[in-house]
């Protein structure tokens, strides 16, 4: 809604007052105009019984002003005004406008069952009184207006119920959408927490090993420091290398959490990619691997990066198996000495149709969130997007040297 529309939008109470004023004027003026042409046909003028006809017309329209606050009392009041008006043979005219508005409001703001019962009972009573009051109407063709009032009353109630039903359906749809959104967010957070814990456990294993090695090397250094100084230098250099590697691992994670009772073994790394590719081929994928790593001497690959490469390839191939099926996949693992670039590209389905997985063509499953979080924790980058054809590509770059993780 535009700003100007919001500024000029009346509050609901003001709208109801204007509606009541309009209905009242229409009932009074419409009845006067309709019967002005032939005053002799009027059985009882509006001025009879102390202007009771005017009072009933005004009261039947004025109650509309509080229709949203008290829909049932408003319908009862409008119905009583109509019953009294036609039972006393006041002149016919649009004296039913307020009643129809009250009927619509009753069912539109009701609960769907009780409001329909009240509306149905009210329409039945009104119809009976209207028909009895019109028993001696002349000319007989004028009785058609009685059936018009009955039909319009039913239509007013039906219209209100239709509006109520659509509002309920829309509210339920919004509630389901909000619930689904909360569920997706909770699942995404759970996946991120699981991935963080997994990485923390891997780093814990590596750092614990490094500390154990440093402890042994420090004991050796203390033993040989006076007897074999050259040996002490070698052990100190080994301590320096090991502690540097441990610091690199520590900087990849903001906090380390570990369940000492789970007995987990370290996750596989780049060296096990051939086994992973073989499993993917057994699942029906035509996988081609392109690996280009620097020849020795090359910088050591931190265990967290080594495991991340494996997991990114594993999750990407799993997504292809689950959401695409048999197709051609190219797995590329390359290093320029500073970082490892991982790229998994598939050709999509053979028939060119989009995958039916959650996330559609822009994301296969929910594994991308975990891969992105893993890359960010290692100070790397991650991208996943459809290719120009029907396929999909996952690309990640993981630095080999310690960097500040995203969000640190």
Protein backbone atom coordinates (compact mmCIF):
# COMPACT_ATOMS: atom_id res chain seq x y z
CA UNK A 1 0.00 0.00 0.00
CA UNK A 2 1.31 3.43 -0.92
CA UNK A 3 2.05 6.13 1.66
CA UNK A 4 -0.77 8.34 0.39
CA UNK A 5 -3.25 5.44 0.64
CA UNK A 6 -2.24 4.81 4.25
CA UNK A 7 -2.60 8.50 5.12
CA UNK A 8 -6.14 8.75 3.73
CA UNK A 9 -7.37 5.39 5.02
CA UNK A 10 -10.15 5.88 7.57
CA UNK A 11 -10.20 3.93 10.83
CA UNK A 12 -12.78 1.16 10.93
CA UNK A 13 -15.06 2.98 13.38
CA UNK A 14 -15.16 6.05 11.15
CA UNK A 15 -15.99 3.90 8.14
CA UNK A 16 -18.85 2.26 10.03
CA UNK A 17 -20.29 5.64 11.02
CA UNK A 18 -20.21 6.80 7.41
CA UNK A 19 -21.81 3.52 6.29
CA UNK A 20 -24.56 3.88 8.92
CA UNK A 21 -25.23 7.44 7.79
CA UNK A 22 -25.43 6.34 4.16
CA UNK A 23 -27.78 3.42 4.94
CA UNK A 24 -30.04 5.61 7.08
CA UNK A 25 -30.35 8.27 4.39
CA UNK A 26 -30.99 5.65 1.70
CA UNK A 27 -33.69 3.91 3.75
CA UNK A 28 -35.56 7.13 4.60
CA UNK A 29 -35.13 8.97 1.31
CA UNK A 30 -35.60 5.84 -0.80
CA UNK A 31 -38.86 4.95 0.92
CA UNK A 32 -40.20 8.52 0.56
CA UNK A 33 -39.30 8.74 -3.14
CA UNK A 34 -40.65 5.27 -3.95
CA UNK A 35 -44.10 6.02 -2.49
CA UNK A 36 -44.38 9.68 -3.49
CA UNK A 37 -45.83 8.83 -6.90
CA UNK A 38 -48.91 7.05 -5.49
CA UNK A 39 -49.66 8.07 -1.85
CA UNK A 40 -53.06 6.29 -1.98
CA UNK A 41 -51.31 2.90 -2.20
CA UNK A 42 -49.72 3.44 1.20
CA UNK A 43 -51.58 1.51 3.92
CA UNK A 44 -49.91 3.35 6.81
CA UNK A 45 -47.91 6.56 6.31
CA UNK A 46 -44.51 7.00 7.97
CA UNK A 47 -45.95 9.75 10.14
CA UNK A 48 -48.52 7.45 11.75
CA UNK A 49 -48.17 6.33 15.39
CA UNK A 50 -45.98 9.29 16.31
CA UNK A 51 -43.76 9.08 13.23
CA UNK A 52 -42.91 5.49 14.14
CA UNK A 53 -42.10 4.65 10.51
CA UNK A 54 -39.32 7.22 10.43
CA UNK A 55 -38.05 6.04 13.81
CA UNK A 56 -37.81 2.44 12.60
CA UNK A 57 -36.05 3.44 9.37
CA UNK A 58 -33.52 5.59 11.22
CA UNK A 59 -32.95 3.02 13.97
CA UNK A 60 -32.50 0.19 11.45
CA UNK A 61 -29.76 2.15 9.71
CA UNK A 62 -28.10 3.76 12.74
CA UNK A 63 -27.28 0.42 14.44
CA UNK A 64 -24.89 -0.33 11.58
CA UNK A 65 -22.43 2.11 13.22
CA UNK A 66 -21.55 -0.51 15.88
CA UNK A 67 -21.83 -3.61 13.67
CA UNK A 68 -18.20 -4.76 14.11
CA UNK A 69 -18.24 -4.40 17.89
CA UNK A 70 -21.59 -6.14 18.52
CA UNK A 71 -22.55 -8.03 15.35
CA UNK A 72 -25.20 -10.25 17.00
CA UNK A 73 -27.04 -7.44 18.87
CA UNK A 74 -26.90 -5.30 15.74
CA UNK A 75 -28.52 -8.07 13.69
CA UNK A 76 -31.19 -8.59 16.34
CA UNK A 77 -31.96 -4.84 16.49
CA UNK A 78 -32.09 -4.51 12.69
CA UNK A 79 -34.31 -7.60 12.49
CA UNK A 80 -36.74 -6.29 15.10
CA UNK A 81 -36.97 -2.96 13.29
CA UNK A 82 -37.77 -4.78 10.05
CA UNK A 83 -40.34 -7.07 11.69
CA UNK A 84 -42.12 -4.14 13.35
CA UNK A 85 -41.95 -2.00 10.21
CA UNK A 86 -43.56 -4.54 7.87
CA UNK A 87 -45.93 -5.99 10.47
CA UNK A 88 -47.48 -2.51 10.92
CA UNK A 89 -47.89 -2.15 7.13
CA UNK A 90 -45.61 0.80 6.70
CA UNK A 91 -44.83 1.59 3.03
CA UNK A 92 -42.41 -0.69 1.22
CA UNK A 93 -39.03 0.58 0.09
CA UNK A 94 -35.31 0.06 0.77
CA UNK A 95 -36.02 -0.36 4.48
CA UNK A 96 -34.00 -3.59 4.47
CA UNK A 97 -30.53 -2.13 3.72
CA UNK A 98 -29.45 -2.02 7.37
CA UNK A 99 -30.72 -5.56 7.92
CA UNK A 100 -28.71 -6.93 5.00
CA UNK A 101 -25.54 -5.16 6.20
CA UNK A 102 -26.12 -6.61 9.68
CA UNK A 103 -26.56 -10.12 8.24
CA UNK A 104 -23.36 -9.83 6.22
CA UNK A 105 -21.43 -8.59 9.26
CA UNK A 106 -22.83 -11.35 11.48
CA UNK A 107 -21.54 -14.17 9.26
CA UNK A 108 -18.36 -12.39 8.10
CA UNK A 109 -17.16 -11.80 11.67
CA UNK A 110 -18.69 -14.94 13.17
CA UNK A 111 -17.23 -18.34 13.97
CA UNK A 112 -18.81 -20.17 11.04
CA UNK A 113 -21.22 -22.36 12.99
CA UNK A 114 -22.96 -20.33 15.67
CA UNK A 115 -23.21 -17.29 13.41
CA UNK A 116 -24.79 -19.33 10.61
CA UNK A 117 -27.33 -20.82 13.02
CA UNK A 118 -28.28 -17.35 14.27
CA UNK A 119 -28.50 -16.01 10.72
CA UNK A 120 -30.58 -18.97 9.55
CA UNK A 121 -33.02 -18.71 12.47
CA UNK A 122 -33.31 -14.97 11.96
CA UNK A 123 -33.98 -15.27 8.23
CA UNK A 124 -36.64 -17.93 8.89
CA UNK A 125 -38.48 -15.68 11.36
CA UNK A 126 -38.17 -12.64 9.09
CA UNK A 127 -39.43 -14.59 6.08
CA UNK A 128 -42.47 -15.82 7.95
CA UNK A 129 -43.40 -12.35 9.21
CA UNK A 130 -42.78 -10.76 5.80
CA UNK A 131 -45.00 -13.32 4.06
CA UNK A 132 -47.79 -12.99 6.64
CA UNK A 133 -47.67 -9.19 6.46
CA UNK A 134 -47.92 -9.36 2.64
CA UNK A 135 -50.89 -11.78 2.60
CA UNK A 136 -53.34 -9.05 1.54
CA UNK A 137 -50.94 -6.96 -0.50
CA UNK A 138 -52.33 -5.30 -3.59
CA UNK A 139 -51.51 -5.60 -6.39
CA UNK A 140 -50.47 -9.25 -5.95
CA UNK A 141 -47.43 -8.74 -8.19
CA UNK A 142 -45.95 -6.57 -5.44
CA UNK A 143 -45.34 -9.72 -3.37
CA UNK A 144 -42.29 -10.25 -5.54
CA UNK A 145 -40.50 -7.69 -3.35
CA UNK A 146 -41.06 -9.97 -0.37
CA UNK A 147 -39.29 -12.83 -2.12
CA UNK A 148 -36.58 -10.40 -3.13
CA UNK A 149 -36.02 -9.51 0.55
CA UNK A 150 -35.84 -13.19 1.49
CA UNK A 151 -33.39 -14.00 -1.30
CA UNK A 152 -31.25 -10.94 -0.59
CA UNK A 153 -31.12 -11.84 3.09
CA UNK A 154 -29.86 -15.33 2.24
CA UNK A 155 -27.30 -13.90 -0.20
CA UNK A 156 -26.05 -11.40 2.40
CA UNK A 157 -25.45 -14.20 4.90
CA UNK A 158 -23.80 -16.37 2.25
CA UNK A 159 -21.53 -13.53 1.14
CA UNK A 160 -20.41 -12.90 4.72
CA UNK A 161 -19.68 -16.59 5.25
CA UNK A 162 -17.65 -16.67 2.01
CA UNK A 163 -15.56 -13.72 3.18
CA UNK A 164 -15.04 -15.36 6.59
CA UNK A 165 -14.00 -18.67 5.00
CA UNK A 166 -11.50 -16.99 2.70
CA UNK A 167 -10.05 -15.04 5.61
CA UNK A 168 -9.68 -18.22 7.66
CA UNK A 169 -8.05 -20.04 4.76
CA UNK A 170 -5.65 -17.15 4.21
CA UNK A 171 -4.78 -17.03 7.92
CA UNK A 172 -4.14 -20.79 7.96
CA UNK A 173 -1.94 -20.48 4.87
CA UNK A 174 0.08 -17.71 6.52
CA UNK A 175 0.38 -19.77 9.71
CA UNK A 176 1.58 -22.79 7.73
CA UNK A 177 4.08 -20.65 5.84
CA UNK A 178 5.41 -19.16 9.09
CA UNK A 179 5.66 -22.62 10.64
CA UNK A 180 7.48 -23.95 7.57
CA UNK A 181 9.84 -20.97 7.66
CA UNK A 182 10.57 -21.51 11.35
CA UNK A 183 11.12 -25.20 10.70
CA UNK A 184 13.53 -24.46 7.85
CA UNK A 185 15.42 -21.97 10.00
CA UNK A 186 15.64 -24.44 12.88
CA UNK A 187 16.85 -27.19 10.55
CA UNK A 188 19.39 -24.81 9.03
CA UNK A 189 20.68 -23.78 12.46
CA UNK A 190 20.84 -27.41 13.53
CA UNK A 191 22.80 -28.25 10.38
CA UNK A 192 25.22 -25.39 11.02
CA UNK A 193 25.68 -26.41 14.66
CA UNK A 194 26.27 -30.01 13.60
CA UNK A 195 28.84 -28.92 11.03
CA UNK A 196 30.63 -26.69 13.54
CA UNK A 197 30.78 -29.52 16.07
CA UNK A 198 32.08 -31.90 13.42
CA UNK A 199 34.89 -29.53 12.45
CA UNK A 200 35.69 -28.79 16.09
CA UNK A 201 36.03 -32.49 16.82
CA UNK A 202 38.39 -33.00 13.89
CA UNK A 203 40.56 -30.08 15.00
CA UNK A 204 40.49 -31.37 18.57
CA UNK A 205 41.89 -34.70 17.43
CA UNK A 206 44.65 -33.01 15.45
CA UNK A 207 45.57 -30.51 18.18
CA UNK A 208 45.56 -33.22 20.86
CA UNK A 209 47.97 -35.23 18.73
CA UNK A 210 50.17 -32.17 18.22
CA UNK A 211 50.30 -31.43 21.94
CA UNK A 212 51.26 -35.03 22.65
CA UNK A 213 54.10 -34.83 20.11
CA UNK A 214 55.30 -31.53 21.55
CA UNK A 215 55.30 -33.04 25.03
CA UNK A 216 57.46 -35.96 23.89
CA UNK A 217 59.84 -33.69 21.93
CA UNK A 218 60.18 -31.35 24.91
CA UNK A 219 61.12 -34.30 27.13
CA UNK A 220 63.73 -35.42 24.61
CA UNK A 221 65.14 -31.89 24.38
CA UNK A 222 65.52 -31.66 28.15
CA UNK A 223 67.32 -35.01 28.16
CA UNK A 224 69.80 -34.35 25.30
CA UNK A 225 70.32 -30.59 25.76
CA UNK A 226 73.70 -30.98 27.53
CA UNK A 227 74.86 -34.25 25.96
CA UNK A 228 73.90 -33.79 22.26
CA UNK A 229 73.20 -30.12 21.42
CA UNK A 230 72.74 -30.88 17.70
CA UNK A 231 69.97 -33.32 18.56
CA UNK A 232 68.35 -30.72 20.81
CA UNK A 233 68.24 -28.29 17.86
CA UNK A 234 66.42 -30.86 15.73
CA UNK A 235 63.81 -31.51 18.40
CA UNK A 236 63.26 -27.79 18.96
CA UNK A 237 62.69 -27.33 15.22
CA UNK A 238 60.21 -30.21 15.29
CA UNK A 239 58.42 -28.56 18.21
CA UNK A 240 58.26 -25.28 16.28
CA UNK A 241 56.77 -26.98 13.20
CA UNK A 242 54.27 -28.97 15.23
CA UNK A 243 53.14 -26.00 17.33
CA UNK A 244 52.80 -23.83 14.21
CA UNK A 245 50.59 -26.46 12.60
CA UNK A 246 48.52 -26.71 15.79
CA UNK A 247 48.06 -22.92 15.89
CA UNK A 248 46.88 -22.98 12.31
CA UNK A 249 44.26 -25.53 13.24
CA UNK A 250 43.21 -23.58 16.34
CA UNK A 251 42.66 -20.38 14.35
CA UNK A 252 40.20 -22.08 12.01
CA UNK A 253 37.63 -22.53 14.76
CA UNK A 254 36.20 -19.91 17.13
CA UNK A 255 35.56 -22.47 19.87
CA UNK A 256 36.29 -26.13 20.31
CA UNK A 257 33.57 -28.49 21.57
CA UNK A 258 34.23 -32.15 22.13
CA UNK A 259 32.35 -35.18 23.43
CA UNK A 260 35.09 -37.38 24.86
CA UNK A 261 32.81 -40.42 24.83
CA UNK A 262 31.96 -40.61 21.14
CA UNK A 263 35.21 -42.25 20.06
CA UNK A 264 35.15 -40.70 16.61
CA UNK A 265 37.95 -41.41 14.17
CA UNK A 266 39.37 -38.60 12.01
CA UNK A 267 37.42 -37.86 8.84
CA UNK A 268 38.88 -38.92 5.50
CA UNK A 269 40.58 -36.36 3.29
CA UNK A 270 41.89 -35.80 -0.22
CA UNK A 271 43.67 -39.13 -0.24
CA UNK A 272 40.33 -40.95 -0.04
CA UNK A 273 38.68 -39.09 -2.96
CA UNK A 274 39.30 -42.06 -5.28
CA UNK A 275 37.21 -44.29 -3.01
CA UNK A 276 34.48 -41.63 -2.90
CA UNK A 277 34.48 -41.33 -6.70
CA UNK A 278 34.25 -45.11 -6.97
CA UNK A 279 31.17 -45.13 -4.72
CA UNK A 280 29.56 -42.39 -6.83
CA UNK A 281 30.19 -44.41 -9.98
CA UNK A 282 28.58 -47.42 -8.35
CA UNK A 283 25.53 -45.18 -7.76
CA UNK A 284 25.25 -44.50 -11.50
CA UNK A 285 27.21 -41.27 -11.98
CA UNK A 286 29.74 -40.87 -14.79
CA UNK A 287 32.42 -39.08 -12.75
CA UNK A 288 35.62 -37.61 -14.14
CA UNK A 289 38.19 -36.35 -11.66
CA UNK A 290 40.74 -33.67 -12.47
CA UNK A 291 43.41 -33.27 -9.77
CA UNK A 292 46.41 -30.96 -9.97
CA UNK A 293 48.44 -30.62 -6.78
CA UNK A 294 51.95 -29.08 -6.57
CA UNK A 295 54.78 -31.59 -6.81
CA UNK A 296 56.86 -32.10 -3.66
CA UNK A 297 58.11 -30.21 -1.83
CA UNK A 298 54.64 -28.72 -1.39
CA UNK A 299 53.03 -26.92 1.56
CA UNK A 300 51.31 -29.28 4.00
CA UNK A 301 47.54 -29.40 3.83
CA UNK A 302 45.93 -28.69 7.24
CA UNK A 303 43.73 -31.53 8.36
CA UNK A 304 40.63 -29.28 8.54
CA UNK A 305 41.15 -28.22 4.92
CA UNK A 306 41.88 -31.81 3.88
CA UNK A 307 38.63 -32.99 5.50
CA UNK A 308 36.68 -30.02 4.11
CA UNK A 309 37.70 -30.86 0.54
CA UNK A 310 36.48 -34.42 1.00
CA UNK A 311 33.19 -33.36 2.58
CA UNK A 312 32.44 -30.74 -0.08
CA UNK A 313 32.97 -33.28 -2.86
CA UNK A 314 30.98 -35.88 -0.94
CA UNK A 315 28.01 -33.55 -0.31
CA UNK A 316 28.03 -32.32 -3.91
CA UNK A 317 28.01 -35.86 -5.33
CA UNK A 318 25.29 -36.84 -2.84
CA UNK A 319 23.12 -33.94 -4.03
CA UNK A 320 23.57 -35.04 -7.64
CA UNK A 321 22.69 -38.64 -6.81
CA UNK A 322 19.60 -37.65 -4.81
CA UNK A 323 18.19 -34.85 -6.94
CA UNK A 324 19.44 -35.43 -10.50
CA UNK A 325 20.18 -39.11 -10.97
CA UNK A 326 22.56 -40.66 -13.49
CA UNK A 327 24.50 -37.90 -15.26
CA UNK A 328 28.02 -36.74 -16.07
CA UNK A 329 29.98 -35.05 -13.28
CA UNK A 330 33.40 -33.41 -13.32
CA UNK A 331 35.27 -33.15 -10.00
CA UNK A 332 38.21 -30.77 -10.04
CA UNK A 333 40.67 -30.43 -7.13
CA UNK A 334 43.53 -28.03 -7.85
CA UNK A 335 46.05 -26.16 -5.75
CA UNK A 336 48.17 -23.16 -6.60
CA UNK A 337 50.25 -23.47 -3.43
CA UNK A 338 48.22 -20.88 -1.50
CA UNK A 339 44.78 -22.47 -1.60
CA UNK A 340 42.86 -25.48 -2.86
CA UNK A 341 40.09 -24.93 -5.41
CA UNK A 342 37.32 -27.50 -5.43
CA UNK A 343 34.76 -27.55 -8.24
CA UNK A 344 32.01 -30.12 -8.83
CA UNK A 345 29.97 -29.64 -12.02
CA UNK A 346 27.17 -31.84 -13.30
CA UNK A 347 25.34 -31.80 -16.65
CA UNK A 348 21.87 -32.02 -15.09
CA UNK A 349 19.16 -34.41 -16.10
CA UNK A 350 19.26 -35.97 -19.51
CA UNK A 351 15.77 -34.63 -20.35
CA UNK A 352 16.73 -31.09 -19.36
CA UNK A 353 14.07 -30.78 -16.63
CA UNK A 354 14.76 -28.99 -13.37
CA UNK A 355 15.34 -31.03 -10.20
CA UNK A 356 12.35 -31.57 -7.93
CA UNK A 357 14.32 -31.24 -4.70
CA UNK A 358 13.62 -28.61 -2.03
CA UNK A 359 15.17 -25.38 -3.18
CA UNK A 360 14.39 -25.94 -6.86
CA UNK A 361 16.94 -25.17 -9.50
CA UNK A 362 18.74 -22.68 -7.27
CA UNK A 363 19.70 -25.19 -4.60
CA UNK A 364 19.59 -28.96 -4.27
CA UNK A 365 18.73 -29.89 -0.74
CA UNK A 366 20.02 -28.15 2.40
CA UNK A 367 23.63 -29.35 2.32
CA UNK A 368 24.89 -26.11 0.79
CA UNK A 369 24.45 -24.27 4.07
CA UNK A 370 26.77 -26.68 5.86
CA UNK A 371 29.36 -26.49 3.08
CA UNK A 372 29.25 -22.69 3.09
CA UNK A 373 29.67 -22.58 6.87
CA UNK A 374 32.60 -24.99 6.72
CA UNK A 375 34.33 -22.84 4.09
CA UNK A 376 33.72 -19.64 6.05
CA UNK A 377 35.14 -21.17 9.23
CA UNK A 378 38.33 -21.97 7.30
CA UNK A 379 38.53 -18.45 5.87
CA UNK A 380 37.54 -19.62 2.38
CA UNK A 381 34.76 -18.88 -0.08
CA UNK A 382 31.84 -20.91 -1.40
CA UNK A 383 29.49 -20.58 -4.36
CA UNK A 384 26.71 -22.80 -5.72
CA UNK A 385 24.69 -21.91 -8.80
CA UNK A 386 23.07 -23.36 -11.93
CA UNK A 387 25.24 -23.48 -15.04
CA UNK A 388 24.22 -22.00 -18.38
CA UNK A 389 22.90 -25.42 -19.37
CA UNK A 390 20.65 -27.63 -17.23
CA UNK A 391 23.41 -28.53 -14.80
CA UNK A 392 24.69 -27.22 -11.50
CA UNK A 393 28.09 -26.20 -10.14
CA UNK A 394 29.56 -26.10 -6.64
CA UNK A 395 32.82 -24.15 -6.23
CA UNK A 396 34.91 -23.63 -3.08
CA UNK A 397 38.31 -22.11 -2.37
CA UNK A 398 40.09 -23.11 0.85
CA UNK A 399 43.31 -21.33 1.89
CA UNK A 400 46.27 -23.46 3.01
CA UNK A 401 47.74 -20.75 5.25
CA UNK A 402 46.01 -19.55 8.41
CA UNK A 403 43.48 -16.77 7.82
CA UNK A 404 40.90 -15.04 9.94
CA UNK A 405 37.61 -16.91 9.59
CA UNK A 406 34.59 -15.00 8.39
CA UNK A 407 32.70 -13.55 11.35
CA UNK A 408 35.71 -13.83 13.71
